[in-house]
Amino acid sequence: MPLDCLQTGRNLGNLGFDESLWETAIFGYEKAIEAVEQSRESVTSPSRKRQLIEENLNIYEKMMQSCINHQQYNKAVQTV
């Protein structure tokens, strides 16, 4: 389930990002980030947790950029 949410959220976020629909991008990336964090909670290996972040770093980066473009600076900082 988290993998499906991750892929769907990423796709929605990317669509919003590409079309400069910042609210849509933020919503999609939020869902994708929630899925990444949920997956990290279920993993016990620190190296696997780190790998999950590394594999999905672009979601966090695009989330921050979407927030900045939408002038939601606090949310951009919270993403870090």
PDB file of N, CA and C in Angstrom:
ATOM      1  N   MET A   1       0.816  -1.201   0.000  1.00  0.00           N
ATOM      2  CA  MET A   1       0.000   0.000   0.000  1.00  0.00           C
ATOM      3  C   MET A   1       0.860   1.266   0.000  1.00  0.00           C
ATOM      4  N   PRO A   2       1.866   1.391   0.883  1.00  0.00           N
ATOM      5  CA  PRO A   2       2.671   2.618   0.827  1.00  0.00           C
ATOM      6  C   PRO A   2       3.350   2.817  -0.526  1.00  0.00           C
ATOM      7  N   LEU A   3       3.742   1.722  -1.180  1.00  0.00           N
ATOM      8  CA  LEU A   3       4.391   1.848  -2.479  1.00  0.00           C
ATOM      9  C   LEU A   3       3.434   2.446  -3.509  1.00  0.00           C
ATOM     10  N   ASP A   4       2.173   2.003  -3.490  1.00  0.00           N
ATOM     11  CA  ASP A   4       1.175   2.569  -4.402  1.00  0.00           C
ATOM     12  C   ASP A   4       0.949   4.047  -4.110  1.00  0.00           C
ATOM     13  N   CYS A   5       0.864   4.399  -2.835  1.00  0.00           N
ATOM     14  CA  CYS A   5       0.683   5.803  -2.444  1.00  0.00           C
ATOM     15  C   CYS A   5       1.892   6.633  -2.851  1.00  0.00           C
ATOM     16  N   LEU A   6       3.070   6.060  -2.704  1.00  0.00           N
ATOM     17  CA  LEU A   6       4.295   6.753  -3.094  1.00  0.00           C
ATOM     18  C   LEU A   6       4.283   7.054  -4.588  1.00  0.00           C
ATOM     19  N   GLN A   7       3.992   6.064  -5.391  1.00  0.00           N
ATOM     20  CA  GLN A   7       3.999   6.253  -6.843  1.00  0.00           C
ATOM     21  C   GLN A   7       2.913   7.223  -7.289  1.00  0.00           C
ATOM     22  N   THR A   8       1.710   7.069  -6.742  1.00  0.00           N
ATOM     23  CA  THR A   8       0.607   7.945  -7.122  1.00  0.00           C
ATOM     24  C   THR A   8       0.868   9.375  -6.676  1.00  0.00           C
ATOM     25  N   GLY A   9       1.332   9.541  -5.442  1.00  0.00           N
ATOM     26  CA  GLY A   9       1.646  10.877  -4.937  1.00  0.00           C
ATOM     27  C   GLY A   9       2.742  11.543  -5.737  1.00  0.00           C
ATOM     28  N   ARG A  10       3.782  10.784  -6.058  1.00  0.00           N
ATOM     29  CA  ARG A  10       4.882  11.320  -6.872  1.00  0.00           C
ATOM     30  C   ARG A  10       4.363  11.745  -8.243  1.00  0.00           C
ATOM     31  N   ASN A  11       3.544  10.894  -8.869  1.00  0.00           N
ATOM     32  CA  ASN A  11       3.015  11.222 -10.193  1.00  0.00           C
ATOM     33  C   ASN A  11       2.148  12.478 -10.157  1.00  0.00           C
ATOM     34  N   LEU A  12       1.285  12.582  -9.150  1.00  0.00           N
ATOM     35  CA  LEU A  12       0.437  13.767  -9.020  1.00  0.00           C
ATOM     36  C   LEU A  12       1.290  14.998  -8.753  1.00  0.00           C
ATOM     37  N   GLY A  13       2.258  14.863  -7.862  1.00  0.00           N
ATOM     38  CA  GLY A  13       3.153  15.977  -7.572  1.00  0.00           C
ATOM     39  C   GLY A  13       3.915  16.428  -8.803  1.00  0.00           C
ATOM     40  N   ASN A  14       4.434  15.478  -9.564  1.00  0.00           N
ATOM     41  CA  ASN A  14       5.176  15.821 -10.774  1.00  0.00           C
ATOM     42  C   ASN A  14       4.284  16.503 -11.808  1.00  0.00           C
ATOM     43  N   LEU A  15       3.052  16.036 -11.941  1.00  0.00           N
ATOM     44  CA  LEU A  15       2.114  16.669 -12.867  1.00  0.00           C
ATOM     45  C   LEU A  15       1.864  18.117 -12.457  1.00  0.00           C
ATOM     46  N   GLY A  16       1.567  18.325 -11.174  1.00  0.00           N
ATOM     47  CA  GLY A  16       1.359  19.682 -10.678  1.00  0.00           C
ATOM     48  C   GLY A  16       2.596  20.540 -10.847  1.00  0.00           C
ATOM     49  N   PHE A  17       3.756  19.975 -10.577  1.00  0.00           N
ATOM     50  CA  PHE A  17       5.020  20.709 -10.707  1.00  0.00           C
ATOM     51  C   PHE A  17       5.250  21.127 -12.159  1.00  0.00           C
ATOM     52  N   ASP A  18       5.065  20.189 -13.079  1.00  0.00           N
ATOM     53  CA  ASP A  18       5.296  20.471 -14.499  1.00  0.00           C
ATOM     54  C   ASP A  18       4.329  21.514 -15.048  1.00  0.00           C
ATOM     55  N   GLU A  19       3.122  21.570 -14.480  1.00  0.00           N
ATOM     56  CA  GLU A  19       2.101  22.511 -14.947  1.00  0.00           C
ATOM     57  C   GLU A  19       2.035  23.772 -14.089  1.00  0.00           C
ATOM     58  N   SER A  20       2.953  23.921 -13.154  1.00  0.00           N
ATOM     59  CA  SER A  20       2.980  25.071 -12.222  1.00  0.00           C
ATOM     60  C   SER A  20       1.696  25.178 -11.399  1.00  0.00           C
ATOM     61  N   LEU A  21       1.106  24.042 -11.093  1.00  0.00           N
ATOM     62  CA  LEU A  21      -0.067  23.969 -10.213  1.00  0.00           C
ATOM     63  C   LEU A  21       0.459  23.595  -8.834  1.00  0.00           C
ATOM     64  N   TRP A  22       0.890  24.607  -8.105  1.00  0.00           N
ATOM     65  CA  TRP A  22       1.659  24.368  -6.883  1.00  0.00           C
ATOM     66  C   TRP A  22       0.857  23.668  -5.803  1.00  0.00           C
ATOM     67  N   GLU A  23      -0.431  23.991  -5.659  1.00  0.00           N
ATOM     68  CA  GLU A  23      -1.243  23.311  -4.639  1.00  0.00           C
ATOM     69  C   GLU A  23      -1.353  21.825  -4.951  1.00  0.00           C
ATOM     70  N   THR A  24      -1.541  21.499  -6.214  1.00  0.00           N
ATOM     71  CA  THR A  24      -1.616  20.095  -6.626  1.00  0.00           C
ATOM     72  C   THR A  24      -0.284  19.398  -6.387  1.00  0.00           C
ATOM     73  N   ALA A  25       0.797  20.066  -6.748  1.00  0.00           N
ATOM     74  CA  ALA A  25       2.130  19.496  -6.535  1.00  0.00           C
ATOM     75  C   ALA A  25       2.370  19.237  -5.055  1.00  0.00           C
ATOM     76  N   ILE A  26       2.054  20.216  -4.230  1.00  0.00           N
ATOM     77  CA  ILE A  26       2.261  20.081  -2.782  1.00  0.00           C
ATOM     78  C   ILE A  26       1.436  18.925  -2.232  1.00  0.00           C
ATOM     79  N   PHE A  27       0.174  18.838  -2.637  1.00  0.00           N
ATOM     80  CA  PHE A  27      -0.694  17.758  -2.161  1.00  0.00           C
ATOM     81  C   PHE A  27      -0.109  16.394  -2.542  1.00  0.00           C
ATOM     82  N   GLY A  28       0.287  16.245  -3.799  1.00  0.00           N
ATOM     83  CA  GLY A  28       0.843  14.969  -4.249  1.00  0.00           C
ATOM     84  C   GLY A  28       2.123  14.608  -3.526  1.00  0.00           C
ATOM     85  N   TYR A  29       3.023  15.578  -3.415  1.00  0.00           N
ATOM     86  CA  TYR A  29       4.294  15.310  -2.738  1.00  0.00           C
ATOM     87  C   TYR A  29       4.094  15.034  -1.252  1.00  0.00           C
ATOM     88  N   GLU A  30       3.116  15.691  -0.630  1.00  0.00           N
ATOM     89  CA  GLU A  30       2.824  15.394   0.783  1.00  0.00           C
ATOM     90  C   GLU A  30       2.449  13.930   0.948  1.00  0.00           C
ATOM     91  N   LYS A  31       1.593  13.436   0.060  1.00  0.00           N
ATOM     92  CA  LYS A  31       1.165  12.035   0.143  1.00  0.00           C
ATOM     93  C   LYS A  31       2.345  11.091  -0.110  1.00  0.00           C
ATOM     94  N   ALA A  32       3.186  11.443  -1.060  1.00  0.00           N
ATOM     95  CA  ALA A  32       4.358  10.609  -1.343  1.00  0.00           C
ATOM     96  C   ALA A  32       5.312  10.591  -0.154  1.00  0.00           C
ATOM     97  N   ILE A  33       5.531  11.750   0.457  1.00  0.00           N
ATOM     98  CA  ILE A  33       6.419  11.832   1.623  1.00  0.00           C
ATOM     99  C   ILE A  33       5.843  11.040   2.794  1.00  0.00           C
ATOM    100  N   GLU A  34       4.529  11.111   2.986  1.00  0.00           N
ATOM    101  CA  GLU A  34       3.894  10.315   4.044  1.00  0.00           C
ATOM    102  C   GLU A  34       4.159   8.829   3.808  1.00  0.00           C
ATOM    103  N   ALA A  35       4.086   8.391   2.559  1.00  0.00           N
ATOM    104  CA  ALA A  35       4.335   6.981   2.240  1.00  0.00           C
ATOM    105  C   ALA A  35       5.790   6.605   2.509  1.00  0.00           C
ATOM    106  N   VAL A  36       6.717   7.496   2.172  1.00  0.00           N
ATOM    107  CA  VAL A  36       8.135   7.234   2.451  1.00  0.00           C
ATOM    108  C   VAL A  36       8.354   7.112   3.953  1.00  0.00           C
ATOM    109  N   GLU A  37       7.795   8.052   4.705  1.00  0.00           N
ATOM    110  CA  GLU A  37       7.981   8.040   6.160  1.00  0.00           C
ATOM    111  C   GLU A  37       7.329   6.811   6.788  1.00  0.00           C
ATOM    112  N   GLN A  38       6.177   6.413   6.280  1.00  0.00           N
ATOM    113  CA  GLN A  38       5.519   5.209   6.791  1.00  0.00           C
ATOM    114  C   GLN A  38       6.383   3.978   6.505  1.00  0.00           C
ATOM    115  N   SER A  39       6.955   3.919   5.330  1.00  0.00           N
ATOM    116  CA  SER A  39       7.843   2.802   4.992  1.00  0.00           C
ATOM    117  C   SER A  39       9.071   2.794   5.891  1.00  0.00           C
ATOM    118  N   ARG A  40       9.617   3.974   6.164  1.00  0.00           N
ATOM    119  CA  ARG A  40      10.800   4.063   7.029  1.00  0.00           C
ATOM    120  C   ARG A  40      10.484   3.577   8.442  1.00  0.00           C
ATOM    121  N   GLU A  41       9.273   3.850   8.923  1.00  0.00           N
ATOM    122  CA  GLU A  41       8.896   3.416  10.274  1.00  0.00           C
ATOM    123  C   GLU A  41       8.824   1.899  10.379  1.00  0.00           C
ATOM    124  N   SER A  42       8.479   1.242   9.285  1.00  0.00           N
ATOM    125  CA  SER A  42       8.319  -0.212   9.333  1.00  0.00           C
ATOM    126  C   SER A  42       9.635  -0.962   9.115  1.00  0.00           C
ATOM    127  N   VAL A  43      10.695  -0.240   8.793  1.00  0.00           N
ATOM    128  CA  VAL A  43      12.004  -0.849   8.539  1.00  0.00           C
ATOM    129  C   VAL A  43      12.879  -0.675   9.774  1.00  0.00           C
ATOM    130  N   THR A  44      13.615  -1.718  10.126  1.00  0.00           N
ATOM    131  CA  THR A  44      14.475  -1.630  11.313  1.00  0.00           C
ATOM    132  C   THR A  44      15.924  -1.299  10.975  1.00  0.00           C
ATOM    133  N   SER A  45      16.338  -1.614   9.784  1.00  0.00           N
ATOM    134  CA  SER A  45      17.733  -1.400   9.392  1.00  0.00           C
ATOM    135  C   SER A  45      18.009   0.083   9.111  1.00  0.00           C
ATOM    136  N   PRO A  46      18.965   0.678   9.825  1.00  0.00           N
ATOM    137  CA  PRO A  46      19.311   2.083   9.563  1.00  0.00           C
ATOM    138  C   PRO A  46      19.772   2.321   8.121  1.00  0.00           C
ATOM    139  N   SER A  47      20.479   1.356   7.548  1.00  0.00           N
ATOM    140  CA  SER A  47      20.945   1.540   6.169  1.00  0.00           C
ATOM    141  C   SER A  47      19.776   1.521   5.186  1.00  0.00           C
ATOM    142  N   ARG A  48      18.774   0.700   5.447  1.00  0.00           N
ATOM    143  CA  ARG A  48      17.587   0.661   4.572  1.00  0.00           C
ATOM    144  C   ARG A  48      16.780   1.949   4.726  1.00  0.00           C
ATOM    145  N   LYS A  49      16.682   2.467   5.942  1.00  0.00           N
ATOM    146  CA  LYS A  49      15.985   3.736   6.162  1.00  0.00           C
ATOM    147  C   LYS A  49      16.666   4.847   5.376  1.00  0.00           C
ATOM    148  N   ARG A  50      17.976   4.877   5.429  1.00  0.00           N
ATOM    149  CA  ARG A  50      18.762   5.874   4.696  1.00  0.00           C
ATOM    150  C   ARG A  50      18.564   5.696   3.189  1.00  0.00           C
ATOM    151  N   GLN A  51      18.526   4.455   2.747  1.00  0.00           N
ATOM    152  CA  GLN A  51      18.344   4.159   1.329  1.00  0.00           C
ATOM    153  C   GLN A  51      16.981   4.653   0.837  1.00  0.00           C
ATOM    154  N   LEU A  52      15.947   4.490   1.648  1.00  0.00           N
ATOM    155  CA  LEU A  52      14.618   4.973   1.268  1.00  0.00           C
ATOM    156  C   LEU A  52      14.628   6.478   1.025  1.00  0.00           C
ATOM    157  N   ILE A  53      15.316   7.208   1.881  1.00  0.00           N
ATOM    158  CA  ILE A  53      15.412   8.659   1.701  1.00  0.00           C
ATOM    159  C   ILE A  53      16.204   8.975   0.435  1.00  0.00           C
ATOM    160  N   GLU A  54      17.331   8.310   0.262  1.00  0.00           N
ATOM    161  CA  GLU A  54      18.176   8.568  -0.910  1.00  0.00           C
ATOM    162  C   GLU A  54      17.427   8.300  -2.213  1.00  0.00           C
ATOM    163  N   GLU A  55      16.645   7.224  -2.238  1.00  0.00           N
ATOM    164  CA  GLU A  55      15.903   6.859  -3.446  1.00  0.00           C
ATOM    165  C   GLU A  55      14.796   7.854  -3.765  1.00  0.00           C
ATOM    166  N   ASN A  56      14.332   8.577  -2.760  1.00  0.00           N
ATOM    167  CA  ASN A  56      13.187   9.471  -2.939  1.00  0.00           C
ATOM    168  C   ASN A  56      13.515  10.922  -2.632  1.00  0.00           C
ATOM    169  N   LEU A  57      14.781  11.247  -2.635  1.00  0.00           N
ATOM    170  CA  LEU A  57      15.219  12.602  -2.311  1.00  0.00           C
ATOM    171  C   LEU A  57      14.595  13.644  -3.230  1.00  0.00           C
ATOM    172  N   ASN A  58      14.385  13.284  -4.495  1.00  0.00           N
ATOM    173  CA  ASN A  58      13.808  14.246  -5.437  1.00  0.00           C
ATOM    174  C   ASN A  58      12.397  14.677  -5.036  1.00  0.00           C
ATOM    175  N   ILE A  59      11.676  13.825  -4.343  1.00  0.00           N
ATOM    176  CA  ILE A  59      10.331  14.196  -3.884  1.00  0.00           C
ATOM    177  C   ILE A  59      10.433  15.318  -2.860  1.00  0.00           C
ATOM    178  N   TYR A  60      11.358  15.185  -1.933  1.00  0.00           N
ATOM    179  CA  TYR A  60      11.550  16.214  -0.913  1.00  0.00           C
ATOM    180  C   TYR A  60      12.013  17.523  -1.554  1.00  0.00           C
ATOM    181  N   GLU A  61      12.919  17.419  -2.524  1.00  0.00           N
ATOM    182  CA  GLU A  61      13.428  18.614  -3.201  1.00  0.00           C
ATOM    183  C   GLU A  61      12.317  19.341  -3.957  1.00  0.00           C
ATOM    184  N   LYS A  62      11.514  18.580  -4.698  1.00  0.00           N
ATOM    185  CA  LYS A  62      10.433  19.202  -5.466  1.00  0.00           C
ATOM    186  C   LYS A  62       9.333  19.724  -4.548  1.00  0.00           C
ATOM    187  N   MET A  63       9.121  19.068  -3.423  1.00  0.00           N
ATOM    188  CA  MET A  63       8.163  19.566  -2.440  1.00  0.00           C
ATOM    189  C   MET A  63       8.614  20.930  -1.933  1.00  0.00           C
ATOM    190  N   MET A  64       9.884  21.039  -1.584  1.00  0.00           N
ATOM    191  CA  MET A  64      10.406  22.321  -1.099  1.00  0.00           C
ATOM    192  C   MET A  64      10.277  23.398  -2.169  1.00  0.00           C
ATOM    193  N   GLN A  65      10.630  23.078  -3.411  1.00  0.00           N
ATOM    194  CA  GLN A  65      10.548  24.068  -4.487  1.00  0.00           C
ATOM    195  C   GLN A  65       9.102  24.473  -4.750  1.00  0.00           C
ATOM    196  N   SER A  66       8.176  23.523  -4.689  1.00  0.00           N
ATOM    197  CA  SER A  66       6.758  23.835  -4.881  1.00  0.00           C
ATOM    198  C   SER A  66       6.261  24.772  -3.793  1.00  0.00           C
ATOM    199  N   CYS A  67       6.658  24.508  -2.562  1.00  0.00           N
ATOM    200  CA  CYS A  67       6.262  25.375  -1.445  1.00  0.00           C
ATOM    201  C   CYS A  67       6.828  26.782  -1.623  1.00  0.00           C
ATOM    202  N   ILE A  68       8.068  26.878  -2.036  1.00  0.00           N
ATOM    203  CA  ILE A  68       8.682  28.190  -2.266  1.00  0.00           C
ATOM    204  C   ILE A  68       7.949  28.919  -3.390  1.00  0.00           C
ATOM    205  N   ASN A  69       7.669  28.214  -4.477  1.00  0.00           N
ATOM    206  CA  ASN A  69       6.965  28.833  -5.600  1.00  0.00           C
ATOM    207  C   ASN A  69       5.567  29.286  -5.212  1.00  0.00           C
ATOM    208  N   HIS A  70       4.967  28.598  -4.250  1.00  0.00           N
ATOM    209  CA  HIS A  70       3.619  28.945  -3.779  1.00  0.00           C
ATOM    210  C   HIS A  70       3.681  29.863  -2.550  1.00  0.00           C
ATOM    211  N   GLN A  71       4.867  30.327  -2.228  1.00  0.00           N
ATOM    212  CA  GLN A  71       5.127  31.239  -1.114  1.00  0.00           C
ATOM    213  C   GLN A  71       4.699  30.659   0.237  1.00  0.00           C
ATOM    214  N   GLN A  72       4.864  29.368   0.387  1.00  0.00           N
ATOM    215  CA  GLN A  72       4.614  28.690   1.659  1.00  0.00           C
ATOM    216  C   GLN A  72       5.973  28.320   2.257  1.00  0.00           C
ATOM    217  N   TYR A  73       6.663  29.348   2.694  1.00  0.00           N
ATOM    218  CA  TYR A  73       8.046  29.191   3.132  1.00  0.00           C
ATOM    219  C   TYR A  73       8.174  28.327   4.384  1.00  0.00           C
ATOM    220  N   ASN A  74       7.244  28.461   5.315  1.00  0.00           N
ATOM    221  CA  ASN A  74       7.301  27.635   6.531  1.00  0.00           C
ATOM    222  C   ASN A  74       7.183  26.154   6.193  1.00  0.00           C
ATOM    223  N   LYS A  75       6.278  25.845   5.275  1.00  0.00           N
ATOM    224  CA  LYS A  75       6.097  24.449   4.874  1.00  0.00           C
ATOM    225  C   LYS A  75       7.347  23.932   4.158  1.00  0.00           C
ATOM    226  N   ALA A  76       7.999  24.791   3.392  1.00  0.00           N
ATOM    227  CA  ALA A  76       9.240  24.397   2.714  1.00  0.00           C
ATOM    228  C   ALA A  76      10.301  24.027   3.740  1.00  0.00           C
ATOM    229  N   VAL A  77      10.423  24.828   4.783  1.00  0.00           N
ATOM    230  CA  VAL A  77      11.412  24.561   5.835  1.00  0.00           C
ATOM    231  C   VAL A  77      11.052  23.285   6.593  1.00  0.00           C
ATOM    232  N   GLN A  78       9.770  23.055   6.834  1.00  0.00           N
ATOM    233  CA  GLN A  78       9.336  21.856   7.555  1.00  0.00           C
ATOM    234  C   GLN A  78       9.643  20.583   6.776  1.00  0.00           C
ATOM    235  N   THR A  79       9.719  20.693   5.463  1.00  0.00           N
ATOM    236  CA  THR A  79       9.999  19.527   4.626  1.00  0.00           C
ATOM    237  C   THR A  79      11.410  19.010   4.850  1.00  0.00           C
ATOM    238  N   VAL A  80      12.310  19.914   5.224  1.00  0.00           N
ATOM    239  CA  VAL A  80      13.707  19.527   5.423  1.00  0.00           C
ATOM    240  C   VAL A  80      13.783  18.654   6.597  1.00  0.00           C
TER     241      VAL A  80
END
